């Protein structure tokens, strides 16, 4: 296991000052569910790292704040805390559902939403939901410098993102949807129920007004190197009344769109029909339509 020095500070200011001086050789830890594994196997991601900076006790970024238009989630909020938040259950229920499906209970109790975002794994459960809700991240630096970036743009590829070594992800910012009758779903497929790394996931969020689909967002997970909405399927569904035939066609469009980009691989004959079936089952559950 790689040997590193451990640091922890009481304030965000001290933490940012430390990152400004040593950021190139520092790895931030909050829950540690990803980092501890990387340390044990001496991952390539830790090539220049000789310091661990623990931010789990920073009170300023361990809270959920609600305003009239926005909800801000501190980056060290755990998945269990997010899954149990009354504010988030009301405004962003798909995020609560995704958080409640992360790994096992121990992982949910220690792993954080900020860690999920910064790790930027294609299988990160909360990431497609954050993209569906149009979330932004707030990145802070010493001397009061702060920038916000849309999560969709922040993640550049597998385990790659826009964060500079001197920056700290402080909050995830979500604008309230104003949906009248929010419909949502998060479906995932893993090799087992507990301790499961997601192989394929499907996120859907929309309003349903007078029986018709409005403002739908569809984001698959773990099938592309980054996260994006499937706008072709969204445009197809917009304004329609959901039924099995329409949802089946939308699921086909989702699979076609994804595999048009990733191309033919050895796993395509397996993954394509699985994604289509997962999308169809998810859309049916989202709109309360029973499968045969």
Protein backbone atom coordinates (compact mmCIF):
# COMPACT_ATOMS: atom_id res chain seq x y z
CA UNK A 1 0.00 0.00 0.00
CA UNK A 2 1.32 3.44 -0.94
CA UNK A 3 2.69 5.48 2.00
CA UNK A 4 1.33 9.04 2.28
CA UNK A 5 1.15 11.87 4.81
CA UNK A 6 -2.26 12.71 6.25
CA UNK A 7 -3.61 16.24 6.76
CA UNK A 8 -6.88 17.68 8.07
CA UNK A 9 -7.91 21.26 8.80
CA UNK A 10 -10.80 22.84 10.70
CA UNK A 11 -11.82 25.42 8.10
CA UNK A 12 -12.36 25.66 4.37
CA UNK A 13 -9.94 28.61 4.27
CA UNK A 14 -7.07 26.58 5.74
CA UNK A 15 -7.90 23.73 3.39
CA UNK A 16 -7.79 25.97 0.31
CA UNK A 17 -4.52 27.56 1.45
CA UNK A 18 -2.98 24.09 1.76
CA UNK A 19 -4.26 23.09 -1.70
CA UNK A 20 -2.83 26.26 -3.23
CA UNK A 21 0.64 25.31 -1.98
CA UNK A 22 0.56 21.53 -2.38
CA UNK A 23 -2.33 20.71 -4.73
CA UNK A 24 -0.19 18.94 -7.34
CA UNK A 25 0.81 16.24 -4.83
CA UNK A 26 -2.45 16.03 -2.82
CA UNK A 27 -5.40 13.67 -3.04
CA UNK A 28 -8.58 14.77 -1.26
CA UNK A 29 -10.47 12.25 0.84
CA UNK A 30 -13.99 12.55 2.27
CA UNK A 31 -15.59 9.12 2.50
CA UNK A 32 -12.68 7.19 1.04
CA UNK A 33 -14.75 4.50 -0.69
CA UNK A 34 -12.79 5.01 -3.93
CA UNK A 35 -9.48 6.37 -2.63
CA UNK A 36 -8.69 3.56 -0.19
CA UNK A 37 -8.94 1.03 -3.02
CA UNK A 38 -6.63 3.16 -5.16
CA UNK A 39 -4.09 3.39 -2.33
CA UNK A 40 -4.08 -0.36 -1.81
CA UNK A 41 -3.42 -1.15 -5.44
CA UNK A 42 -1.09 1.84 -5.96
CA UNK A 43 -3.28 3.17 -8.77
CA UNK A 44 -1.89 5.19 -11.69
CA UNK A 45 -4.22 7.98 -10.53
CA UNK A 46 -1.91 8.52 -7.51
CA UNK A 47 1.33 8.73 -9.48
CA UNK A 48 2.51 12.04 -7.96
CA UNK A 49 0.53 11.90 -4.70
CA UNK A 50 2.30 11.84 -1.34
CA UNK A 51 -0.32 13.67 0.78
CA UNK A 52 -3.93 12.89 1.73
CA UNK A 53 -6.18 15.82 2.68
CA UNK A 54 -9.24 14.87 4.74
CA UNK A 55 -12.20 17.24 4.22
CA UNK A 56 -14.87 15.08 5.87
CA UNK A 57 -15.10 17.29 8.98
CA UNK A 58 -15.55 20.63 7.20
CA UNK A 59 -18.93 21.74 8.53
CA UNK A 60 -19.43 24.46 5.90
CA UNK A 61 -19.71 21.86 3.15
CA UNK A 62 -21.70 19.26 5.08
CA UNK A 63 -25.22 20.65 4.76
CA UNK A 64 -28.13 21.11 2.39
CA UNK A 65 -29.34 24.68 1.86
CA UNK A 66 -32.59 25.58 0.15
CA UNK A 67 -33.59 28.93 -1.33
CA UNK A 68 -36.56 29.95 -3.45
CA UNK A 69 -34.94 28.81 -6.71
CA UNK A 70 -32.04 26.57 -5.76
CA UNK A 71 -30.88 23.72 -3.54
CA UNK A 72 -27.19 23.49 -2.66
CA UNK A 73 -25.72 20.20 -1.48
CA UNK A 74 -22.42 20.25 0.39
CA UNK A 75 -19.88 18.00 -1.26
CA UNK A 76 -19.23 15.87 1.83
CA UNK A 77 -22.88 14.91 2.29
CA UNK A 78 -23.04 11.12 2.27
CA UNK A 79 -25.27 9.09 -0.02
CA UNK A 80 -27.33 7.99 2.99
CA UNK A 81 -27.86 11.60 4.06
CA UNK A 82 -28.94 12.55 0.54
CA UNK A 83 -31.28 9.56 0.24
CA UNK A 84 -32.95 10.56 3.52
CA UNK A 85 -33.23 14.32 2.90
CA UNK A 86 -36.82 15.60 2.95
CA UNK A 87 -35.81 18.60 0.82
CA UNK A 88 -34.30 16.40 -1.88
CA UNK A 89 -37.14 13.87 -1.76
CA UNK A 90 -39.53 16.67 -2.63
CA UNK A 91 -37.48 18.52 -5.25
CA UNK A 92 -35.11 15.91 -6.72
CA UNK A 93 -36.48 12.43 -5.93
CA UNK A 94 -34.45 10.71 -8.65
CA UNK A 95 -31.25 11.80 -6.88
CA UNK A 96 -32.51 10.26 -3.64
CA UNK A 97 -33.32 7.03 -5.47
CA UNK A 98 -29.88 6.89 -7.10
CA UNK A 99 -28.14 7.64 -3.79
CA UNK A 100 -30.09 4.87 -2.07
CA UNK A 101 -28.79 2.42 -4.70
CA UNK A 102 -25.08 3.23 -4.35
CA UNK A 103 -23.06 0.15 -3.38
CA UNK A 104 -23.81 -1.34 0.02
CA UNK A 105 -24.97 0.28 3.27
CA UNK A 106 -21.40 0.90 4.48
CA UNK A 107 -20.53 2.66 1.22
CA UNK A 108 -23.65 4.81 1.38
CA UNK A 109 -22.87 5.77 4.97
CA UNK A 110 -19.32 6.92 4.18
CA UNK A 111 -19.20 7.70 0.45
CA UNK A 112 -20.04 11.28 -0.55
CA UNK A 113 -21.73 12.91 -3.50
CA UNK A 114 -18.68 15.11 -4.03
CA UNK A 115 -16.49 12.03 -4.21
CA UNK A 116 -18.83 10.51 -6.78
CA UNK A 117 -18.56 13.64 -8.93
CA UNK A 118 -14.79 14.13 -8.63
CA UNK A 119 -14.03 10.45 -9.19
CA UNK A 120 -15.93 10.85 -12.49
CA UNK A 121 -16.40 7.15 -13.04
CA UNK A 122 -18.70 6.19 -15.95
CA UNK A 123 -20.50 3.94 -13.46
CA UNK A 124 -21.07 6.69 -10.86
CA UNK A 125 -24.72 6.31 -9.84
CA UNK A 126 -25.50 9.94 -9.01
CA UNK A 127 -23.87 11.41 -12.12
CA UNK A 128 -26.55 10.71 -14.77
CA UNK A 129 -29.18 12.03 -12.36
CA UNK A 130 -27.23 15.23 -11.76
CA UNK A 131 -26.92 15.71 -15.52
CA UNK A 132 -30.66 15.10 -15.95
CA UNK A 133 -31.41 17.80 -13.37
CA UNK A 134 -28.89 20.22 -14.95
CA UNK A 135 -26.73 20.40 -11.81
CA UNK A 136 -23.67 22.62 -11.46
CA UNK A 137 -20.62 22.25 -9.23
CA UNK A 138 -19.03 25.10 -7.30
CA UNK A 139 -15.22 24.94 -7.30
CA UNK A 140 -13.38 27.07 -4.76
CA UNK A 141 -9.76 28.19 -4.64
CA UNK A 142 -7.64 30.22 -2.25
CA UNK A 143 -8.11 34.02 -2.15
CA UNK A 144 -11.88 33.70 -2.56
CA UNK A 145 -11.84 32.50 -6.15
CA UNK A 146 -14.93 30.48 -7.09
CA UNK A 147 -16.24 29.17 -10.42
CA UNK A 148 -19.30 27.13 -11.31
CA UNK A 149 -19.41 24.48 -14.02
CA UNK A 150 -22.29 22.37 -15.30
CA UNK A 151 -21.77 18.72 -14.31
CA UNK A 152 -22.28 17.71 -17.95
CA UNK A 153 -19.25 19.83 -18.93
CA UNK A 154 -17.25 19.14 -15.76
CA UNK A 155 -16.81 15.43 -16.55
CA UNK A 156 -14.50 15.12 -19.56
CA UNK A 157 -14.24 11.33 -19.74
CA UNK A 158 -13.62 8.25 -17.58
CA UNK A 159 -12.00 9.50 -14.34
CA UNK A 160 -11.25 12.87 -15.94
CA UNK A 161 -12.75 16.24 -15.10
CA UNK A 162 -12.18 19.99 -15.16
CA UNK A 163 -11.08 20.41 -11.53
CA UNK A 164 -7.66 21.95 -11.02
CA UNK A 165 -5.40 20.43 -8.33
CA UNK A 166 -5.73 23.63 -6.28
CA UNK A 167 -9.55 23.56 -6.31
CA UNK A 168 -12.03 22.15 -3.83
CA UNK A 169 -15.50 21.06 -4.90
CA UNK A 170 -17.62 22.81 -2.28
CA UNK A 171 -21.24 22.37 -3.38
CA UNK A 172 -23.51 20.84 -5.99
CA UNK A 173 -26.12 23.38 -7.11
CA UNK A 174 -29.54 22.31 -8.41
CA UNK A 175 -32.21 24.63 -9.76
CA UNK A 176 -35.71 23.60 -8.76
CA UNK A 177 -37.66 22.07 -11.65
CA UNK A 178 -41.10 23.58 -10.97
CA UNK A 179 -42.66 20.34 -12.22
CA UNK A 180 -46.37 20.06 -11.45
CA UNK A 181 -46.37 16.26 -11.40
CA UNK A 182 -42.79 15.03 -11.45
CA UNK A 183 -42.23 11.53 -12.82
CA UNK A 184 -38.84 9.95 -12.34
CA UNK A 185 -36.91 6.70 -12.47
CA UNK A 186 -33.42 5.42 -11.79
CA UNK A 187 -32.71 1.88 -12.92
CA UNK A 188 -29.37 0.11 -12.73
CA UNK A 189 -27.94 -3.25 -13.67
CA UNK A 190 -25.03 -4.76 -11.77
CA UNK A 191 -23.57 -8.20 -11.32
CA UNK A 192 -25.12 -8.55 -7.86
CA UNK A 193 -27.45 -6.64 -5.58
CA UNK A 194 -24.99 -5.54 -2.88
CA UNK A 195 -21.53 -4.01 -3.41
CA UNK A 196 -22.59 -3.67 -7.03
CA UNK A 197 -20.65 -1.59 -9.54
CA UNK A 198 -23.14 -0.38 -12.12
CA UNK A 199 -22.80 -1.96 -15.57
CA UNK A 200 -25.65 -0.02 -17.16
CA UNK A 201 -28.06 2.54 -15.71
CA UNK A 202 -31.01 4.57 -16.94
CA UNK A 203 -32.29 7.87 -15.55
CA UNK A 204 -35.53 9.52 -16.59
CA UNK A 205 -37.16 12.69 -15.26
CA UNK A 206 -40.17 14.58 -16.61
CA UNK A 207 -43.34 16.46 -15.85
CA UNK A 208 -46.73 15.02 -16.77
CA UNK A 209 -49.30 17.68 -17.63
CA UNK A 210 -52.84 16.72 -18.63
CA UNK A 211 -51.60 13.22 -19.34
CA UNK A 212 -48.84 14.37 -21.68
CA UNK A 213 -45.08 14.21 -21.24
CA UNK A 214 -43.39 17.56 -20.73
CA UNK A 215 -39.74 18.61 -20.24
CA UNK A 216 -38.37 15.07 -20.26
CA UNK A 217 -34.70 14.36 -19.60
CA UNK A 218 -33.14 10.96 -20.37
CA UNK A 219 -29.56 10.08 -19.38
CA UNK A 220 -28.00 6.59 -19.59
CA UNK A 221 -25.08 5.64 -17.38
CA UNK A 222 -22.00 3.41 -17.74
CA UNK A 223 -22.41 3.05 -21.52
CA UNK A 224 -20.64 6.22 -22.70
CA UNK A 225 -17.30 7.72 -21.60
CA UNK A 226 -19.19 10.75 -20.26
CA UNK A 227 -22.80 11.67 -19.46
CA UNK A 228 -25.26 13.36 -21.80
CA UNK A 229 -28.97 13.57 -22.44
CA UNK A 230 -30.47 11.56 -25.29
CA UNK A 231 -32.22 14.46 -26.97
CA UNK A 232 -33.55 12.43 -29.91
CA UNK A 233 -35.56 10.21 -27.56
CA UNK A 234 -36.62 13.25 -25.51
CA UNK A 235 -37.90 15.04 -28.61
CA UNK A 236 -39.79 11.92 -29.66
CA UNK A 237 -41.58 11.68 -26.30
CA UNK A 238 -42.24 15.38 -25.72
CA UNK A 239 -45.97 16.15 -25.76
CA UNK A 240 -47.08 12.53 -26.15
CA UNK A 241 -49.29 10.50 -23.83
CA UNK A 242 -47.20 7.58 -22.57
CA UNK A 243 -48.19 4.07 -23.60
CA UNK A 244 -46.25 0.86 -24.18
CA UNK A 245 -45.76 1.33 -27.92
CA UNK A 246 -44.46 4.88 -27.56
CA UNK A 247 -42.17 4.01 -24.66
CA UNK A 248 -40.84 0.97 -26.53
CA UNK A 249 -39.95 3.14 -29.51
CA UNK A 250 -38.26 5.68 -27.24
CA UNK A 251 -36.18 2.92 -25.65
CA UNK A 252 -35.08 1.79 -29.11
CA UNK A 253 -34.01 5.35 -29.93
CA UNK A 254 -31.96 5.49 -26.70
CA UNK A 255 -30.07 2.30 -27.63
CA UNK A 256 -29.58 3.39 -31.25
CA UNK A 257 -28.22 6.78 -30.19
CA UNK A 258 -25.75 5.35 -27.68
CA UNK A 259 -24.35 2.61 -29.90
CA UNK A 260 -24.15 4.91 -32.89
CA UNK A 261 -21.55 6.80 -30.85
CA UNK A 262 -19.66 3.95 -29.18
CA UNK A 263 -19.67 1.73 -32.29
CA UNK A 264 -19.51 -2.04 -32.47
CA UNK A 265 -17.56 -3.74 -29.70
CA UNK A 266 -17.36 -7.30 -28.42
CA UNK A 267 -19.95 -6.39 -25.76
CA UNK A 268 -22.43 -4.70 -28.13
CA UNK A 269 -24.60 -7.80 -28.82
CA UNK A 270 -25.14 -8.03 -25.05
CA UNK A 271 -25.25 -4.38 -24.01
CA UNK A 272 -27.49 -2.96 -26.72
CA UNK A 273 -30.57 -5.11 -26.02
CA UNK A 274 -29.95 -4.82 -22.27
CA UNK A 275 -29.90 -1.02 -22.46
CA UNK A 276 -33.04 -1.01 -24.62
CA UNK A 277 -34.88 -3.31 -22.21
CA UNK A 278 -33.68 -1.35 -19.17
CA UNK A 279 -34.82 1.93 -20.75
CA UNK A 280 -38.20 0.44 -21.64
CA UNK A 281 -38.72 -1.01 -18.16
CA UNK A 282 -37.61 2.27 -16.60
CA UNK A 283 -39.94 4.41 -18.70
CA UNK A 284 -42.86 2.09 -17.94
CA UNK A 285 -42.16 2.27 -14.21
CA UNK A 286 -41.76 6.03 -14.48
CA UNK A 287 -45.27 6.44 -15.86
CA UNK A 288 -46.91 3.65 -13.85
CA UNK A 289 -47.42 1.30 -16.81
CA UNK A 290 -47.30 -2.39 -15.91
CA UNK A 291 -45.05 -4.63 -17.96
CA UNK A 292 -46.46 -7.88 -19.38
